[in-house]
Amino acid sequence: MLIIERTLKTIRESETRKRMVKAAESLFEDYKNDKELIAFTQLDFEEFYETK
């Protein structure tokens, strides 16, 4: 039973990974060409300081 459960889990994870890759690939052109979708990524390297 444990072997079957692990096999099914592996299959599900593989299918999920495939769907995620397909979704990322389908959105790649949108993110590459539409600068509004990545506007906030310019803040990734900004230093933020907590104010009190």
PDB file of N, CA and C in Angstrom:
ATOM      1  N   MET A   1       0.826  -1.195   0.000  1.00  0.00           N
ATOM      2  CA  MET A   1       0.000   0.000   0.000  1.00  0.00           C
ATOM      3  C   MET A   1       0.874   1.264   0.000  1.00  0.00           C
ATOM      4  N   LEU A   2       1.969   1.232   0.768  1.00  0.00           N
ATOM      5  CA  LEU A   2       2.874   2.373   0.833  1.00  0.00           C
ATOM      6  C   LEU A   2       3.479   2.667  -0.536  1.00  0.00           C
ATOM      7  N   ILE A   3       3.829   1.636  -1.271  1.00  0.00           N
ATOM      8  CA  ILE A   3       4.409   1.808  -2.607  1.00  0.00           C
ATOM      9  C   ILE A   3       3.404   2.478  -3.539  1.00  0.00           C
ATOM     10  N   ILE A   4       2.171   2.058  -3.455  1.00  0.00           N
ATOM     11  CA  ILE A   4       1.123   2.644  -4.301  1.00  0.00           C
ATOM     12  C   ILE A   4       0.920   4.111  -3.941  1.00  0.00           C
ATOM     13  N   GLU A   5       0.874   4.412  -2.648  1.00  0.00           N
ATOM     14  CA  GLU A   5       0.690   5.793  -2.213  1.00  0.00           C
ATOM     15  C   GLU A   5       1.834   6.678  -2.698  1.00  0.00           C
ATOM     16  N   ARG A   6       3.055   6.208  -2.553  1.00  0.00           N
ATOM     17  CA  ARG A   6       4.208   6.998  -2.996  1.00  0.00           C
ATOM     18  C   ARG A   6       4.223   7.168  -4.511  1.00  0.00           C
ATOM     19  N   THR A   7       3.835   6.130  -5.223  1.00  0.00           N
ATOM     20  CA  THR A   7       3.779   6.209  -6.682  1.00  0.00           C
ATOM     21  C   THR A   7       2.746   7.244  -7.117  1.00  0.00           C
ATOM     22  N   LEU A   8       1.580   7.205  -6.500  1.00  0.00           N
ATOM     23  CA  LEU A   8       0.533   8.183  -6.833  1.00  0.00           C
ATOM     24  C   LEU A   8       0.974   9.599  -6.485  1.00  0.00           C
ATOM     25  N   LYS A   9       1.639   9.761  -5.349  1.00  0.00           N
ATOM     26  CA  LYS A   9       2.126  11.077  -4.950  1.00  0.00           C
ATOM     27  C   LYS A   9       3.142  11.595  -5.968  1.00  0.00           C
ATOM     28  N   THR A  10       4.031  10.740  -6.410  1.00  0.00           N
ATOM     29  CA  THR A  10       5.042  11.121  -7.395  1.00  0.00           C
ATOM     30  C   THR A  10       4.386  11.521  -8.711  1.00  0.00           C
ATOM     31  N   ILE A  11       3.394  10.762  -9.115  1.00  0.00           N
ATOM     32  CA  ILE A  11       2.676  11.081 -10.361  1.00  0.00           C
ATOM     33  C   ILE A  11       1.988  12.425 -10.239  1.00  0.00           C
ATOM     34  N   ARG A  12       1.313  12.677  -9.098  1.00  0.00           N
ATOM     35  CA  ARG A  12       0.621  13.953  -8.897  1.00  0.00           C
ATOM     36  C   ARG A  12       1.611  15.114  -8.909  1.00  0.00           C
ATOM     37  N   GLU A  13       2.736  14.943  -8.216  1.00  0.00           N
ATOM     38  CA  GLU A  13       3.746  16.007  -8.179  1.00  0.00           C
ATOM     39  C   GLU A  13       4.305  16.273  -9.569  1.00  0.00           C
ATOM     40  N   SER A  14       4.515  15.224 -10.327  1.00  0.00           N
ATOM     41  CA  SER A  14       5.031  15.373 -11.681  1.00  0.00           C
ATOM     42  C   SER A  14       4.030  16.128 -12.557  1.00  0.00           C
ATOM     43  N   GLU A  15       2.771  15.778 -12.436  1.00  0.00           N
ATOM     44  CA  GLU A  15       1.734  16.451 -13.226  1.00  0.00           C
ATOM     45  C   GLU A  15       1.614  17.913 -12.813  1.00  0.00           C
ATOM     46  N   THR A  16       1.678  18.177 -11.524  1.00  0.00           N
ATOM     47  CA  THR A  16       1.612  19.558 -11.039  1.00  0.00           C
ATOM     48  C   THR A  16       2.789  20.356 -11.570  1.00  0.00           C
ATOM     49  N   ARG A  17       3.974  19.771 -11.520  1.00  0.00           N
ATOM     50  CA  ARG A  17       5.170  20.448 -12.020  1.00  0.00           C
ATOM     51  C   ARG A  17       5.026  20.742 -13.510  1.00  0.00           C
ATOM     52  N   LYS A  18       4.513  19.794 -14.261  1.00  0.00           N
ATOM     53  CA  LYS A  18       4.331  20.004 -15.708  1.00  0.00           C
ATOM     54  C   LYS A  18       3.361  21.144 -15.972  1.00  0.00           C
ATOM     55  N   ARG A  19       2.262  21.196 -15.197  1.00  0.00           N
ATOM     56  CA  ARG A  19       1.284  22.270 -15.375  1.00  0.00           C
ATOM     57  C   ARG A  19       1.882  23.629 -15.025  1.00  0.00           C
ATOM     58  N   MET A  20       2.703  23.669 -13.980  1.00  0.00           N
ATOM     59  CA  MET A  20       3.330  24.923 -13.583  1.00  0.00           C
ATOM     60  C   MET A  20       4.317  25.412 -14.643  1.00  0.00           C
ATOM     61  N   VAL A  21       5.085  24.500 -15.204  1.00  0.00           N
ATOM     62  CA  VAL A  21       6.022  24.864 -16.265  1.00  0.00           C
ATOM     63  C   VAL A  21       5.264  25.378 -17.483  1.00  0.00           C
ATOM     64  N   LYS A  22       4.190  24.706 -17.831  1.00  0.00           N
ATOM     65  CA  LYS A  22       3.389  25.123 -18.988  1.00  0.00           C
ATOM     66  C   LYS A  22       2.793  26.516 -18.755  1.00  0.00           C
ATOM     67  N   ALA A  23       2.304  26.769 -17.535  1.00  0.00           N
ATOM     68  CA  ALA A  23       1.735  28.084 -17.214  1.00  0.00           C
ATOM     69  C   ALA A  23       2.805  29.166 -17.271  1.00  0.00           C
ATOM     70  N   ALA A  24       3.976  28.875 -16.723  1.00  0.00           N
ATOM     71  CA  ALA A  24       5.071  29.849 -16.744  1.00  0.00           C
ATOM     72  C   ALA A  24       5.503  30.151 -18.178  1.00  0.00           C
ATOM     73  N   GLU A  25       5.590  29.122 -18.991  1.00  0.00           N
ATOM     74  CA  GLU A  25       5.975  29.332 -20.388  1.00  0.00           C
ATOM     75  C   GLU A  25       4.933  30.149 -21.146  1.00  0.00           C
ATOM     76  N   SER A  26       3.662  29.905 -20.847  1.00  0.00           N
ATOM     77  CA  SER A  26       2.612  30.640 -21.563  1.00  0.00           C
ATOM     78  C   SER A  26       2.582  32.118 -21.166  1.00  0.00           C
ATOM     79  N   LEU A  27       3.039  32.452 -19.961  1.00  0.00           N
ATOM     80  CA  LEU A  27       3.047  33.844 -19.519  1.00  0.00           C
ATOM     81  C   LEU A  27       4.365  34.551 -19.779  1.00  0.00           C
ATOM     82  N   PHE A  28       5.372  33.821 -20.195  1.00  0.00           N
ATOM     83  CA  PHE A  28       6.700  34.393 -20.382  1.00  0.00           C
ATOM     84  C   PHE A  28       6.682  35.587 -21.328  1.00  0.00           C
ATOM     85  N   GLU A  29       6.052  35.456 -22.467  1.00  0.00           N
ATOM     86  CA  GLU A  29       6.009  36.552 -23.449  1.00  0.00           C
ATOM     87  C   GLU A  29       5.292  37.773 -22.877  1.00  0.00           C
ATOM     88  N   ASP A  30       4.216  37.543 -22.119  1.00  0.00           N
ATOM     89  CA  ASP A  30       3.502  38.670 -21.515  1.00  0.00           C
ATOM     90  C   ASP A  30       4.421  39.453 -20.582  1.00  0.00           C
ATOM     91  N   TYR A  31       5.130  38.750 -19.731  1.00  0.00           N
ATOM     92  CA  TYR A  31       6.023  39.420 -18.789  1.00  0.00           C
ATOM     93  C   TYR A  31       7.226  40.046 -19.491  1.00  0.00           C
ATOM     94  N   LYS A  32       7.653  39.444 -20.567  1.00  0.00           N
ATOM     95  CA  LYS A  32       8.793  39.974 -21.321  1.00  0.00           C
ATOM     96  C   LYS A  32       8.424  41.270 -22.038  1.00  0.00           C
ATOM     97  N   ASN A  33       7.194  41.366 -22.514  1.00  0.00           N
ATOM     98  CA  ASN A  33       6.790  42.500 -23.348  1.00  0.00           C
ATOM     99  C   ASN A  33       5.981  43.566 -22.633  1.00  0.00           C
ATOM    100  N   ASP A  34       5.357  43.241 -21.515  1.00  0.00           N
ATOM    101  CA  ASP A  34       4.502  44.199 -20.811  1.00  0.00           C
ATOM    102  C   ASP A  34       5.208  44.665 -19.536  1.00  0.00           C
ATOM    103  N   LYS A  35       5.828  45.823 -19.605  1.00  0.00           N
ATOM    104  CA  LYS A  35       6.627  46.326 -18.484  1.00  0.00           C
ATOM    105  C   LYS A  35       5.774  46.637 -17.251  1.00  0.00           C
ATOM    106  N   GLU A  36       4.473  46.848 -17.420  1.00  0.00           N
ATOM    107  CA  GLU A  36       3.620  47.102 -16.265  1.00  0.00           C
ATOM    108  C   GLU A  36       3.507  45.866 -15.369  1.00  0.00           C
ATOM    109  N   LEU A  37       3.654  44.685 -15.941  1.00  0.00           N
ATOM    110  CA  LEU A  37       3.569  43.460 -15.143  1.00  0.00           C
ATOM    111  C   LEU A  37       4.777  43.256 -14.240  1.00  0.00           C
ATOM    112  N   ILE A  38       5.880  43.901 -14.584  1.00  0.00           N
ATOM    113  CA  ILE A  38       7.099  43.715 -13.786  1.00  0.00           C
ATOM    114  C   ILE A  38       7.563  45.014 -13.129  1.00  0.00           C
ATOM    115  N   ALA A  39       6.688  45.992 -13.044  1.00  0.00           N
ATOM    116  CA  ALA A  39       7.071  47.300 -12.508  1.00  0.00           C
ATOM    117  C   ALA A  39       7.619  47.197 -11.088  1.00  0.00           C
ATOM    118  N   PHE A  40       7.024  46.375 -10.258  1.00  0.00           N
ATOM    119  CA  PHE A  40       7.463  46.292  -8.872  1.00  0.00           C
ATOM    120  C   PHE A  40       8.758  45.511  -8.693  1.00  0.00           C
ATOM    121  N   THR A  41       9.188  44.776  -9.695  1.00  0.00           N
ATOM    122  CA  THR A  41      10.438  44.029  -9.545  1.00  0.00           C
ATOM    123  C   THR A  41      11.639  44.963  -9.517  1.00  0.00           C
ATOM    124  N   GLN A  42      11.474  46.182  -9.964  1.00  0.00           N
ATOM    125  CA  GLN A  42      12.562  47.143  -9.888  1.00  0.00           C
ATOM    126  C   GLN A  42      12.891  47.484  -8.441  1.00  0.00           C
ATOM    127  N   LEU A  43      11.957  47.230  -7.545  1.00  0.00           N
ATOM    128  CA  LEU A  43      12.177  47.498  -6.121  1.00  0.00           C
ATOM    129  C   LEU A  43      12.897  46.352  -5.416  1.00  0.00           C
ATOM    130  N   ASP A  44      13.133  45.267  -6.099  1.00  0.00           N
ATOM    131  CA  ASP A  44      13.727  44.095  -5.468  1.00  0.00           C
ATOM    132  C   ASP A  44      15.076  44.368  -4.824  1.00  0.00           C
ATOM    133  N   PHE A  45      15.841  45.263  -5.378  1.00  0.00           N
ATOM    134  CA  PHE A  45      17.187  45.506  -4.863  1.00  0.00           C
ATOM    135  C   PHE A  45      17.270  46.795  -4.038  1.00  0.00           C
ATOM    136  N   GLU A  46      16.112  47.398  -3.791  1.00  0.00           N
ATOM    137  CA  GLU A  46      16.080  48.599  -2.960  1.00  0.00           C
ATOM    138  C   GLU A  46      16.211  48.200  -1.495  1.00  0.00           C
ATOM    139  N   GLU A  47      16.889  49.042  -0.726  1.00  0.00           N
ATOM    140  CA  GLU A  47      17.004  48.795   0.708  1.00  0.00           C
ATOM    141  C   GLU A  47      15.812  49.453   1.393  1.00  0.00           C
ATOM    142  N   PHE A  48      15.171  48.710   2.268  1.00  0.00           N
ATOM    143  CA  PHE A  48      14.044  49.230   3.017  1.00  0.00           C
ATOM    144  C   PHE A  48      14.433  49.297   4.483  1.00  0.00           C
ATOM    145  N   TYR A  49      14.030  50.351   5.119  1.00  0.00           N
ATOM    146  CA  TYR A  49      14.335  50.528   6.529  1.00  0.00           C
ATOM    147  C   TYR A  49      13.034  50.663   7.303  1.00  0.00           C
ATOM    148  N   GLU A  50      12.982  50.019   8.429  1.00  0.00           N
ATOM    149  CA  GLU A  50      11.795  50.088   9.268  1.00  0.00           C
ATOM    150  C   GLU A  50      11.768  51.428   9.980  1.00  0.00           C
ATOM    151  N   THR A  51      10.611  52.061   9.973  1.00  0.00           N
ATOM    152  CA  THR A  51      10.462  53.313  10.725  1.00  0.00           C
ATOM    153  C   THR A  51       9.629  53.051  11.964  1.00  0.00           C
ATOM    154  N   LYS A  52       9.931  53.781  12.984  1.00  0.00           N
ATOM    155  CA  LYS A  52       9.196  53.588  14.244  1.00  0.00           C
ATOM    156  C   LYS A  52       8.530  54.866  14.655  1.00  0.00           C
TER     157      LYS A  52
END
